Amino acid sequence: MNIATLSYPELLDLKKQVEQRIHEIQGQEKSKAMQQIRELAKTYGLSVEEVLAKASGAARKPVEAKYANPANPEQTWSGRGRKPVWVQEHLDSGKTLESLEIAK
């Protein structure tokens, strides 16, 4: 098939057929992968659920708060990520980040 000679409607039809075939093959590949995972887990005496549970157990633990809002000590920040509004306001007023540190 020479796609250079196809008309616009023929190209659209071809695109639709290709997308359908990709969807079919993708489903087949996922099924094969799941079967391989099951077989590998079985080889080692594990269930897929056990494998997934162990993998999800590696999630990060919450980081301990490093800074607290003097006006409301319940508002804390670990020092990671975007600064909370109260931290930025504190800094904008000319104060230092160190003055917000939680005493240990």
PDB file of N, CA and C in Angstrom:
ATOM      1  N   MET A   1       0.850  -1.175   0.000  1.00  0.00           N
ATOM      2  CA  MET A   1       0.000   0.000   0.000  1.00  0.00           C
ATOM      3  C   MET A   1       0.898   1.241   0.000  1.00  0.00           C
ATOM      4  N   ASN A   2       0.635   2.139  -0.886  1.00  0.00           N
ATOM      5  CA  ASN A   2       1.375   3.394  -0.958  1.00  0.00           C
ATOM      6  C   ASN A   2       0.492   4.482  -0.377  1.00  0.00           C
ATOM      7  N   ILE A   3       0.794   4.937   0.806  1.00  0.00           N
ATOM      8  CA  ILE A   3      -0.078   5.918   1.458  1.00  0.00           C
ATOM      9  C   ILE A   3      -0.021   7.281   0.769  1.00  0.00           C
ATOM     10  N   ALA A   4       1.002   7.521  -0.010  1.00  0.00           N
ATOM     11  CA  ALA A   4       1.109   8.793  -0.726  1.00  0.00           C
ATOM     12  C   ALA A   4      -0.014   8.960  -1.748  1.00  0.00           C
ATOM     13  N   THR A   5      -0.599   7.863  -2.182  1.00  0.00           N
ATOM     14  CA  THR A   5      -1.656   7.932  -3.197  1.00  0.00           C
ATOM     15  C   THR A   5      -3.058   7.912  -2.589  1.00  0.00           C
ATOM     16  N   LEU A   6      -3.169   7.776  -1.274  1.00  0.00           N
ATOM     17  CA  LEU A   6      -4.488   7.702  -0.636  1.00  0.00           C
ATOM     18  C   LEU A   6      -5.117   9.088  -0.513  1.00  0.00           C
ATOM     19  N   SER A   7      -6.431   9.123  -0.612  1.00  0.00           N
ATOM     20  CA  SER A   7      -7.172  10.374  -0.437  1.00  0.00           C
ATOM     21  C   SER A   7      -7.327  10.658   1.060  1.00  0.00           C
ATOM     22  N   TYR A   8      -7.787  11.850   1.345  1.00  0.00           N
ATOM     23  CA  TYR A   8      -7.981  12.236   2.742  1.00  0.00           C
ATOM     24  C   TYR A   8      -8.929  11.284   3.473  1.00  0.00           C
ATOM     25  N   PRO A   9     -10.115  10.977   2.924  1.00  0.00           N
ATOM     26  CA  PRO A   9     -11.004  10.027   3.608  1.00  0.00           C
ATOM     27  C   PRO A   9     -10.374   8.645   3.785  1.00  0.00           C
ATOM     28  N   GLU A  10      -9.607   8.213   2.785  1.00  0.00           N
ATOM     29  CA  GLU A  10      -8.946   6.911   2.893  1.00  0.00           C
ATOM     30  C   GLU A  10      -7.884   6.933   4.000  1.00  0.00           C
ATOM     31  N   LEU A  11      -7.174   8.052   4.115  1.00  0.00           N
ATOM     32  CA  LEU A  11      -6.173   8.183   5.180  1.00  0.00           C
ATOM     33  C   LEU A  11      -6.831   8.173   6.565  1.00  0.00           C
ATOM     34  N   LEU A  12      -7.962   8.867   6.682  1.00  0.00           N
ATOM     35  CA  LEU A  12      -8.684   8.864   7.964  1.00  0.00           C
ATOM     36  C   LEU A  12      -9.147   7.460   8.331  1.00  0.00           C
ATOM     37  N   ASP A  13      -9.640   6.732   7.331  1.00  0.00           N
ATOM     38  CA  ASP A  13     -10.072   5.351   7.566  1.00  0.00           C
ATOM     39  C   ASP A  13      -8.886   4.488   7.989  1.00  0.00           C
ATOM     40  N   LEU A  14      -7.767   4.667   7.313  1.00  0.00           N
ATOM     41  CA  LEU A  14      -6.560   3.926   7.654  1.00  0.00           C
ATOM     42  C   LEU A  14      -6.110   4.253   9.083  1.00  0.00           C
ATOM     43  N   LYS A  15      -6.178   5.521   9.431  1.00  0.00           N
ATOM     44  CA  LYS A  15      -5.806   5.957  10.790  1.00  0.00           C
ATOM     45  C   LYS A  15      -6.695   5.264  11.828  1.00  0.00           C
ATOM     46  N   LYS A  16      -7.976   5.205  11.546  1.00  0.00           N
ATOM     47  CA  LYS A  16      -8.923   4.557  12.456  1.00  0.00           C
ATOM     48  C   LYS A  16      -8.592   3.070  12.605  1.00  0.00           C
ATOM     49  N   GLN A  17      -8.290   2.413  11.499  1.00  0.00           N
ATOM     50  CA  GLN A  17      -7.936   0.991  11.535  1.00  0.00           C
ATOM     51  C   GLN A  17      -6.648   0.769  12.333  1.00  0.00           C
ATOM     52  N   VAL A  18      -5.674   1.650  12.120  1.00  0.00           N
ATOM     53  CA  VAL A  18      -4.397   1.530  12.836  1.00  0.00           C
ATOM     54  C   VAL A  18      -4.625   1.711  14.336  1.00  0.00           C
ATOM     55  N   GLU A  19      -5.412   2.709  14.723  1.00  0.00           N
ATOM     56  CA  GLU A  19      -5.675   2.950  16.137  1.00  0.00           C
ATOM     57  C   GLU A  19      -6.394   1.764  16.781  1.00  0.00           C
ATOM     58  N   GLN A  20      -7.356   1.172  16.047  1.00  0.00           N
ATOM     59  CA  GLN A  20      -8.055  -0.004  16.563  1.00  0.00           C
ATOM     60  C   GLN A  20      -7.086  -1.170  16.754  1.00  0.00           C
ATOM     61  N   ARG A  21      -6.223  -1.364  15.797  1.00  0.00           N
ATOM     62  CA  ARG A  21      -5.253  -2.469  15.883  1.00  0.00           C
ATOM     63  C   ARG A  21      -4.272  -2.238  17.026  1.00  0.00           C
ATOM     64  N   ILE A  22      -3.839  -1.002  17.192  1.00  0.00           N
ATOM     65  CA  ILE A  22      -2.947  -0.678  18.316  1.00  0.00           C
ATOM     66  C   ILE A  22      -3.630  -0.998  19.639  1.00  0.00           C
ATOM     67  N   HIS A  23      -4.893  -0.630  19.749  1.00  0.00           N
ATOM     68  CA  HIS A  23      -5.659  -0.896  20.975  1.00  0.00           C
ATOM     69  C   HIS A  23      -5.742  -2.402  21.238  1.00  0.00           C
ATOM     70  N   GLU A  24      -6.004  -3.186  20.192  1.00  0.00           N
ATOM     71  CA  GLU A  24      -6.087  -4.645  20.333  1.00  0.00           C
ATOM     72  C   GLU A  24      -4.749  -5.223  20.792  1.00  0.00           C
ATOM     73  N   ILE A  25      -3.671  -4.812  20.119  1.00  0.00           N
ATOM     74  CA  ILE A  25      -2.346  -5.342  20.453  1.00  0.00           C
ATOM     75  C   ILE A  25      -1.928  -4.908  21.860  1.00  0.00           C
ATOM     76  N   GLN A  26      -2.270  -3.689  22.220  1.00  0.00           N
ATOM     77  CA  GLN A  26      -1.939  -3.203  23.555  1.00  0.00           C
ATOM     78  C   GLN A  26      -2.599  -4.081  24.614  1.00  0.00           C
ATOM     79  N   GLY A  27      -3.851  -4.436  24.401  1.00  0.00           N
ATOM     80  CA  GLY A  27      -4.540  -5.324  25.331  1.00  0.00           C
ATOM     81  C   GLY A  27      -3.873  -6.685  25.415  1.00  0.00           C
ATOM     82  N   GLN A  28      -3.469  -7.220  24.276  1.00  0.00           N
ATOM     83  CA  GLN A  28      -2.783  -8.514  24.247  1.00  0.00           C
ATOM     84  C   GLN A  28      -1.446  -8.441  24.987  1.00  0.00           C
ATOM     85  N   GLU A  29      -0.695  -7.367  24.760  1.00  0.00           N
ATOM     86  CA  GLU A  29       0.603  -7.204  25.414  1.00  0.00           C
ATOM     87  C   GLU A  29       0.446  -7.075  26.928  1.00  0.00           C
ATOM     88  N   LYS A  30      -0.575  -6.353  27.359  1.00  0.00           N
ATOM     89  CA  LYS A  30      -0.827  -6.224  28.804  1.00  0.00           C
ATOM     90  C   LYS A  30      -1.166  -7.581  29.407  1.00  0.00           C
ATOM     91  N   SER A  31      -1.977  -8.356  28.683  1.00  0.00           N
ATOM     92  CA  SER A  31      -2.332  -9.693  29.175  1.00  0.00           C
ATOM     93  C   SER A  31      -1.098 -10.574  29.299  1.00  0.00           C
ATOM     94  N   LYS A  32      -0.212 -10.504  28.297  1.00  0.00           N
ATOM     95  CA  LYS A  32       1.028 -11.292  28.339  1.00  0.00           C
ATOM     96  C   LYS A  32       1.891 -10.864  29.514  1.00  0.00           C
ATOM     97  N   ALA A  33       1.993  -9.565  29.723  1.00  0.00           N
ATOM     98  CA  ALA A  33       2.818  -9.052  30.819  1.00  0.00           C
ATOM     99  C   ALA A  33       2.256  -9.511  32.169  1.00  0.00           C
ATOM    100  N   MET A  34       0.945  -9.443  32.330  1.00  0.00           N
ATOM    101  CA  MET A  34       0.328  -9.894  33.583  1.00  0.00           C
ATOM    102  C   MET A  34       0.589 -11.371  33.819  1.00  0.00           C
ATOM    103  N   GLN A  35       0.511 -12.174  32.765  1.00  0.00           N
ATOM    104  CA  GLN A  35       0.777 -13.607  32.891  1.00  0.00           C
ATOM    105  C   GLN A  35       2.226 -13.841  33.307  1.00  0.00           C
ATOM    106  N   GLN A  36       3.150 -13.105  32.713  1.00  0.00           N
ATOM    107  CA  GLN A  36       4.563 -13.242  33.074  1.00  0.00           C
ATOM    108  C   GLN A  36       4.792 -12.849  34.538  1.00  0.00           C
ATOM    109  N   ILE A  37       4.122 -11.803  34.973  1.00  0.00           N
ATOM    110  CA  ILE A  37       4.249 -11.360  36.368  1.00  0.00           C
ATOM    111  C   ILE A  37       3.721 -12.435  37.311  1.00  0.00           C
ATOM    112  N   ARG A  38       2.562 -12.994  36.973  1.00  0.00           N
ATOM    113  CA  ARG A  38       1.985 -14.060  37.808  1.00  0.00           C
ATOM    114  C   ARG A  38       2.920 -15.268  37.893  1.00  0.00           C
ATOM    115  N   GLU A  39       3.470 -15.659  36.743  1.00  0.00           N
ATOM    116  CA  GLU A  39       4.372 -16.819  36.711  1.00  0.00           C
ATOM    117  C   GLU A  39       5.650 -16.557  37.515  1.00  0.00           C
ATOM    118  N   LEU A  40       6.188 -15.371  37.389  1.00  0.00           N
ATOM    119  CA  LEU A  40       7.403 -15.030  38.127  1.00  0.00           C
ATOM    120  C   LEU A  40       7.124 -14.999  39.632  1.00  0.00           C
ATOM    121  N   ALA A  41       6.007 -14.421  40.010  1.00  0.00           N
ATOM    122  CA  ALA A  41       5.644 -14.381  41.431  1.00  0.00           C
ATOM    123  C   ALA A  41       5.456 -15.801  41.954  1.00  0.00           C
ATOM    124  N   LYS A  42       4.783 -16.649  41.183  1.00  0.00           N
ATOM    125  CA  LYS A  42       4.542 -18.041  41.585  1.00  0.00           C
ATOM    126  C   LYS A  42       5.865 -18.793  41.740  1.00  0.00           C
ATOM    127  N   THR A  43       6.809 -18.523  40.858  1.00  0.00           N
ATOM    128  CA  THR A  43       8.129 -19.164  40.920  1.00  0.00           C
ATOM    129  C   THR A  43       8.790 -18.907  42.269  1.00  0.00           C
ATOM    130  N   TYR A  44       8.578 -17.722  42.805  1.00  0.00           N
ATOM    131  CA  TYR A  44       9.201 -17.350  44.076  1.00  0.00           C
ATOM    132  C   TYR A  44       8.256 -17.507  45.270  1.00  0.00           C
ATOM    133  N   GLY A  45       7.115 -18.139  45.029  1.00  0.00           N
ATOM    134  CA  GLY A  45       6.178 -18.403  46.116  1.00  0.00           C
ATOM    135  C   GLY A  45       5.444 -17.167  46.605  1.00  0.00           C
ATOM    136  N   LEU A  46       5.241 -16.226  45.733  1.00  0.00           N
ATOM    137  CA  LEU A  46       4.548 -14.990  46.098  1.00  0.00           C
ATOM    138  C   LEU A  46       3.254 -14.866  45.312  1.00  0.00           C
ATOM    139  N   SER A  47       2.320 -14.142  45.880  1.00  0.00           N
ATOM    140  CA  SER A  47       1.134 -13.780  45.123  1.00  0.00           C
ATOM    141  C   SER A  47       1.375 -12.385  44.553  1.00  0.00           C
ATOM    142  N   VAL A  48       0.631 -12.048  43.528  1.00  0.00           N
ATOM    143  CA  VAL A  48       0.766 -10.722  42.934  1.00  0.00           C
ATOM    144  C   VAL A  48       0.444  -9.662  43.986  1.00  0.00           C
ATOM    145  N   GLU A  49      -0.534  -9.942  44.845  1.00  0.00           N
ATOM    146  CA  GLU A  49      -0.917  -8.996  45.893  1.00  0.00           C
ATOM    147  C   GLU A  49       0.249  -8.740  46.849  1.00  0.00           C
ATOM    148  N   GLU A  50       0.980  -9.814  47.185  1.00  0.00           N
ATOM    149  CA  GLU A  50       2.143  -9.651  48.060  1.00  0.00           C
ATOM    150  C   GLU A  50       3.208  -8.778  47.406  1.00  0.00           C
ATOM    151  N   VAL A  51       3.432  -9.004  46.126  1.00  0.00           N
ATOM    152  CA  VAL A  51       4.428  -8.209  45.405  1.00  0.00           C
ATOM    153  C   VAL A  51       4.018  -6.746  45.397  1.00  0.00           C
ATOM    154  N   LEU A  52       2.754  -6.489  45.103  1.00  0.00           N
ATOM    155  CA  LEU A  52       2.274  -5.112  45.056  1.00  0.00           C
ATOM    156  C   LEU A  52       2.283  -4.472  46.436  1.00  0.00           C
ATOM    157  N   ALA A  53       1.958  -5.224  47.460  1.00  0.00           N
ATOM    158  CA  ALA A  53       1.954  -4.684  48.821  1.00  0.00           C
ATOM    159  C   ALA A  53       3.360  -4.291  49.239  1.00  0.00           C
ATOM    160  N   LYS A  54       4.353  -5.093  48.894  1.00  0.00           N
ATOM    161  CA  LYS A  54       5.738  -4.786  49.246  1.00  0.00           C
ATOM    162  C   LYS A  54       6.236  -3.590  48.462  1.00  0.00           C
ATOM    163  N   ALA A  55       5.822  -3.482  47.218  1.00  0.00           N
ATOM    164  CA  ALA A  55       6.266  -2.355  46.396  1.00  0.00           C
ATOM    165  C   ALA A  55       5.661  -1.055  46.909  1.00  0.00           C
ATOM    166  N   SER A  56       4.402  -1.093  47.324  1.00  0.00           N
ATOM    167  CA  SER A  56       3.769   0.140  47.799  1.00  0.00           C
ATOM    168  C   SER A  56       4.224   0.494  49.204  1.00  0.00           C
ATOM    169  N   GLY A  57       4.795  -0.456  49.921  1.00  0.00           N
ATOM    170  CA  GLY A  57       5.292  -0.181  51.272  1.00  0.00           C
ATOM    171  C   GLY A  57       6.527   0.696  51.270  1.00  0.00           C
ATOM    172  N   ALA A  58       7.111   0.899  50.113  1.00  0.00           N
ATOM    173  CA  ALA A  58       8.310   1.723  50.011  1.00  0.00           C
ATOM    174  C   ALA A  58       7.968   3.206  49.882  1.00  0.00           C
ATOM    175  N   ALA A  59       6.721   3.543  50.133  1.00  0.00           N
ATOM    176  CA  ALA A  59       6.313   4.940  50.024  1.00  0.00           C
ATOM    177  C   ALA A  59       7.039   5.773  51.071  1.00  0.00           C
ATOM    178  N   ARG A  60       7.207   7.022  50.757  1.00  0.00           N
ATOM    179  CA  ARG A  60       7.911   7.919  51.665  1.00  0.00           C
ATOM    180  C   ARG A  60       7.111   8.163  52.934  1.00  0.00           C
ATOM    181  N   LYS A  61       7.842   8.269  54.014  1.00  0.00           N
ATOM    182  CA  LYS A  61       7.213   8.624  55.278  1.00  0.00           C
ATOM    183  C   LYS A  61       7.127  10.142  55.351  1.00  0.00           C
ATOM    184  N   PRO A  62       6.143  10.657  56.066  1.00  0.00           N
ATOM    185  CA  PRO A  62       6.036  12.112  56.191  1.00  0.00           C
ATOM    186  C   PRO A  62       7.297  12.684  56.847  1.00  0.00           C
ATOM    187  N   VAL A  63       7.684  13.855  56.385  1.00  0.00           N
ATOM    188  CA  VAL A  63       8.862  14.519  56.918  1.00  0.00           C
ATOM    189  C   VAL A  63       8.460  15.327  58.144  1.00  0.00           C
ATOM    190  N   GLU A  64       9.302  15.294  59.147  1.00  0.00           N
ATOM    191  CA  GLU A  64       9.034  16.017  60.386  1.00  0.00           C
ATOM    192  C   GLU A  64       9.048  17.520  60.129  1.00  0.00           C
ATOM    193  N   ALA A  65       8.150  18.224  60.791  1.00  0.00           N
ATOM    194  CA  ALA A  65       8.073  19.678  60.640  1.00  0.00           C
ATOM    195  C   ALA A  65       9.335  20.320  61.194  1.00  0.00           C
ATOM    196  N   LYS A  66       9.814  21.321  60.490  1.00  0.00           N
ATOM    197  CA  LYS A  66      11.027  22.026  60.898  1.00  0.00           C
ATOM    198  C   LYS A  66      10.714  23.460  61.338  1.00  0.00           C
ATOM    199  N   TYR A  67       9.617  24.008  60.802  1.00  0.00           N
ATOM    200  CA  TYR A  67       9.249  25.395  61.095  1.00  0.00           C
ATOM    201  C   TYR A  67       7.792  25.457  61.561  1.00  0.00           C
ATOM    202  N   ALA A  68       7.524  26.426  62.437  1.00  0.00           N
ATOM    203  CA  ALA A  68       6.157  26.610  62.932  1.00  0.00           C
ATOM    204  C   ALA A  68       5.799  28.084  62.886  1.00  0.00           C
ATOM    205  N   ASN A  69       4.534  28.360  62.675  1.00  0.00           N
ATOM    206  CA  ASN A  69       4.024  29.726  62.655  1.00  0.00           C
ATOM    207  C   ASN A  69       3.896  30.213  64.094  1.00  0.00           C
ATOM    208  N   PRO A  70       4.594  31.294  64.478  1.00  0.00           N
ATOM    209  CA  PRO A  70       4.511  31.770  65.863  1.00  0.00           C
ATOM    210  C   PRO A  70       3.101  32.221  66.242  1.00  0.00           C
ATOM    211  N   ALA A  71       2.329  32.693  65.280  1.00  0.00           N
ATOM    212  CA  ALA A  71       0.966  33.143  65.555  1.00  0.00           C
ATOM    213  C   ALA A  71       0.002  31.968  65.690  1.00  0.00           C
ATOM    214  N   ASN A  72       0.345  30.836  65.089  1.00  0.00           N
ATOM    215  CA  ASN A  72      -0.501  29.649  65.146  1.00  0.00           C
ATOM    216  C   ASN A  72       0.410  28.432  65.060  1.00  0.00           C
ATOM    217  N   PRO A  73       0.896  27.919  66.194  1.00  0.00           N
ATOM    218  CA  PRO A  73       1.852  26.813  66.194  1.00  0.00           C
ATOM    219  C   PRO A  73       1.353  25.526  65.519  1.00  0.00           C
ATOM    220  N   GLU A  74       0.064  25.433  65.278  1.00  0.00           N
ATOM    221  CA  GLU A  74      -0.461  24.261  64.581  1.00  0.00           C
ATOM    222  C   GLU A  74      -0.083  24.279  63.097  1.00  0.00           C
ATOM    223  N   GLN A  75       0.248  25.469  62.574  1.00  0.00           N
ATOM    224  CA  GLN A  75       0.687  25.579  61.187  1.00  0.00           C
ATOM    225  C   GLN A  75       2.187  25.329  61.151  1.00  0.00           C
ATOM    226  N   THR A  76       2.558  24.245  60.488  1.00  0.00           N
ATOM    227  CA  THR A  76       3.969  23.878  60.409  1.00  0.00           C
ATOM    228  C   THR A  76       4.366  23.659  58.970  1.00  0.00           C
ATOM    229  N   TRP A  77       5.679  23.595  58.758  1.00  0.00           N
ATOM    230  CA  TRP A  77       6.226  23.363  57.420  1.00  0.00           C
ATOM    231  C   TRP A  77       7.509  22.580  57.567  1.00  0.00           C
ATOM    232  N   SER A  78       7.732  21.625  56.690  1.00  0.00           N
ATOM    233  CA  SER A  78       8.917  20.774  56.760  1.00  0.00           C
ATOM    234  C   SER A  78      10.155  21.448  56.170  1.00  0.00           C
ATOM    235  N   GLY A  79       9.952  22.502  55.406  1.00  0.00           N
ATOM    236  CA  GLY A  79      11.067  23.144  54.732  1.00  0.00           C
ATOM    237  C   GLY A  79      11.224  22.643  53.312  1.00  0.00           C
ATOM    238  N   ARG A  80      10.367  21.716  52.930  1.00  0.00           N
ATOM    239  CA  ARG A  80      10.402  21.172  51.573  1.00  0.00           C
ATOM    240  C   ARG A  80       9.213  21.680  50.790  1.00  0.00           C
ATOM    241  N   GLY A  81       9.414  21.814  49.501  1.00  0.00           N
ATOM    242  CA  GLY A  81       8.310  22.249  48.653  1.00  0.00           C
ATOM    243  C   GLY A  81       8.094  23.750  48.744  1.00  0.00           C
ATOM    244  N   ARG A  82       6.967  24.167  48.251  1.00  0.00           N
ATOM    245  CA  ARG A  82       6.633  25.592  48.212  1.00  0.00           C
ATOM    246  C   ARG A  82       6.409  26.121  49.625  1.00  0.00           C
ATOM    247  N   LYS A  83       6.878  27.341  49.852  1.00  0.00           N
ATOM    248  CA  LYS A  83       6.712  27.968  51.169  1.00  0.00           C
ATOM    249  C   LYS A  83       5.241  28.292  51.401  1.00  0.00           C
ATOM    250  N   PRO A  84       4.729  27.987  52.586  1.00  0.00           N
ATOM    251  CA  PRO A  84       3.359  28.404  52.904  1.00  0.00           C
ATOM    252  C   PRO A  84       3.269  29.936  52.942  1.00  0.00           C
ATOM    253  N   VAL A  85       2.079  30.455  52.802  1.00  0.00           N
ATOM    254  CA  VAL A  85       1.869  31.901  52.793  1.00  0.00           C
ATOM    255  C   VAL A  85       2.419  32.531  54.061  1.00  0.00           C
ATOM    256  N   TRP A  86       2.175  31.908  55.210  1.00  0.00           N
ATOM    257  CA  TRP A  86       2.626  32.506  56.467  1.00  0.00           C
ATOM    258  C   TRP A  86       4.148  32.583  56.548  1.00  0.00           C
ATOM    259  N   VAL A  87       4.855  31.652  55.937  1.00  0.00           N
ATOM    260  CA  VAL A  87       6.324  31.698  55.905  1.00  0.00           C
ATOM    261  C   VAL A  87       6.765  32.848  55.013  1.00  0.00           C
ATOM    262  N   GLN A  88       6.171  32.963  53.837  1.00  0.00           N
ATOM    263  CA  GLN A  88       6.551  34.033  52.916  1.00  0.00           C
ATOM    264  C   GLN A  88       6.260  35.398  53.517  1.00  0.00           C
ATOM    265  N   GLU A  89       5.115  35.545  54.190  1.00  0.00           N
ATOM    266  CA  GLU A  89       4.789  36.822  54.836  1.00  0.00           C
ATOM    267  C   GLU A  89       5.810  37.149  55.922  1.00  0.00           C
ATOM    268  N   HIS A  90       6.228  36.145  56.661  1.00  0.00           N
ATOM    269  CA  HIS A  90       7.236  36.315  57.716  1.00  0.00           C
ATOM    270  C   HIS A  90       8.551  36.812  57.113  1.00  0.00           C
ATOM    271  N   LEU A  91       8.957  36.181  55.999  1.00  0.00           N
ATOM    272  CA  LEU A  91      10.196  36.573  55.323  1.00  0.00           C
ATOM    273  C   LEU A  91      10.074  37.971  54.706  1.00  0.00           C
ATOM    274  N   ASP A  92       8.904  38.273  54.136  1.00  0.00           N
ATOM    275  CA  ASP A  92       8.680  39.583  53.517  1.00  0.00           C
ATOM    276  C   ASP A  92       8.720  40.708  54.539  1.00  0.00           C
ATOM    277  N   SER A  93       8.418  40.375  55.785  1.00  0.00           N
ATOM    278  CA  SER A  93       8.449  41.408  56.837  1.00  0.00           C
ATOM    279  C   SER A  93       9.866  41.659  57.345  1.00  0.00           C
ATOM    280  N   GLY A  94      10.848  40.981  56.748  1.00  0.00           N
ATOM    281  CA  GLY A  94      12.243  41.221  57.109  1.00  0.00           C
ATOM    282  C   GLY A  94      12.800  40.243  58.136  1.00  0.00           C
ATOM    283  N   LYS A  95      11.989  39.289  58.551  1.00  0.00           N
ATOM    284  CA  LYS A  95      12.444  38.318  59.547  1.00  0.00           C
ATOM    285  C   LYS A  95      13.109  37.144  58.838  1.00  0.00           C
ATOM    286  N   THR A  96      13.812  36.334  59.598  1.00  0.00           N
ATOM    287  CA  THR A  96      14.552  35.210  59.015  1.00  0.00           C
ATOM    288  C   THR A  96      13.791  33.902  59.156  1.00  0.00           C
ATOM    289  N   LEU A  97      14.155  32.967  58.318  1.00  0.00           N
ATOM    290  CA  LEU A  97      13.572  31.630  58.376  1.00  0.00           C
ATOM    291  C   LEU A  97      13.980  30.933  59.672  1.00  0.00           C
ATOM    292  N   GLU A  98      15.193  31.216  60.126  1.00  0.00           N
ATOM    293  CA  GLU A  98      15.696  30.597  61.358  1.00  0.00           C
ATOM    294  C   GLU A  98      14.823  30.949  62.556  1.00  0.00           C
ATOM    295  N   SER A  99      14.184  32.113  62.530  1.00  0.00           N
ATOM    296  CA  SER A  99      13.338  32.503  63.655  1.00  0.00           C
ATOM    297  C   SER A  99      12.053  31.683  63.727  1.00  0.00           C
ATOM    298  N   LEU A 100      11.766  30.922  62.688  1.00  0.00           N
ATOM    299  CA  LEU A 100      10.578  30.053  62.686  1.00  0.00           C
ATOM    300  C   LEU A 100      10.898  28.616  63.069  1.00  0.00           C
ATOM    301  N   GLU A 101      12.173  28.301  63.230  1.00  0.00           N
ATOM    302  CA  GLU A 101      12.560  26.922  63.519  1.00  0.00           C
ATOM    303  C   GLU A 101      11.946  26.426  64.821  1.00  0.00           C
ATOM    304  N   ILE A 102      11.542  25.187  64.797  1.00  0.00           N
ATOM    305  CA  ILE A 102      10.976  24.540  65.993  1.00  0.00           C
ATOM    306  C   ILE A 102      12.139  24.136  66.883  1.00  0.00           C
ATOM    307  N   ALA A 103      12.075  24.542  68.148  1.00  0.00           N
ATOM    308  CA  ALA A 103      13.128  24.205  69.106  1.00  0.00           C
ATOM    309  C   ALA A 103      13.072  22.719  69.446  1.00  0.00           C
ATOM    310  N   LYS A 104      14.258  22.108  69.511  1.00  0.00           N
ATOM    311  CA  LYS A 104      14.300  20.672  69.824  1.00  0.00           C
ATOM    312  C   LYS A 104      14.979  20.444  71.128  1.00  0.00           C
TER     313      LYS A 104
END
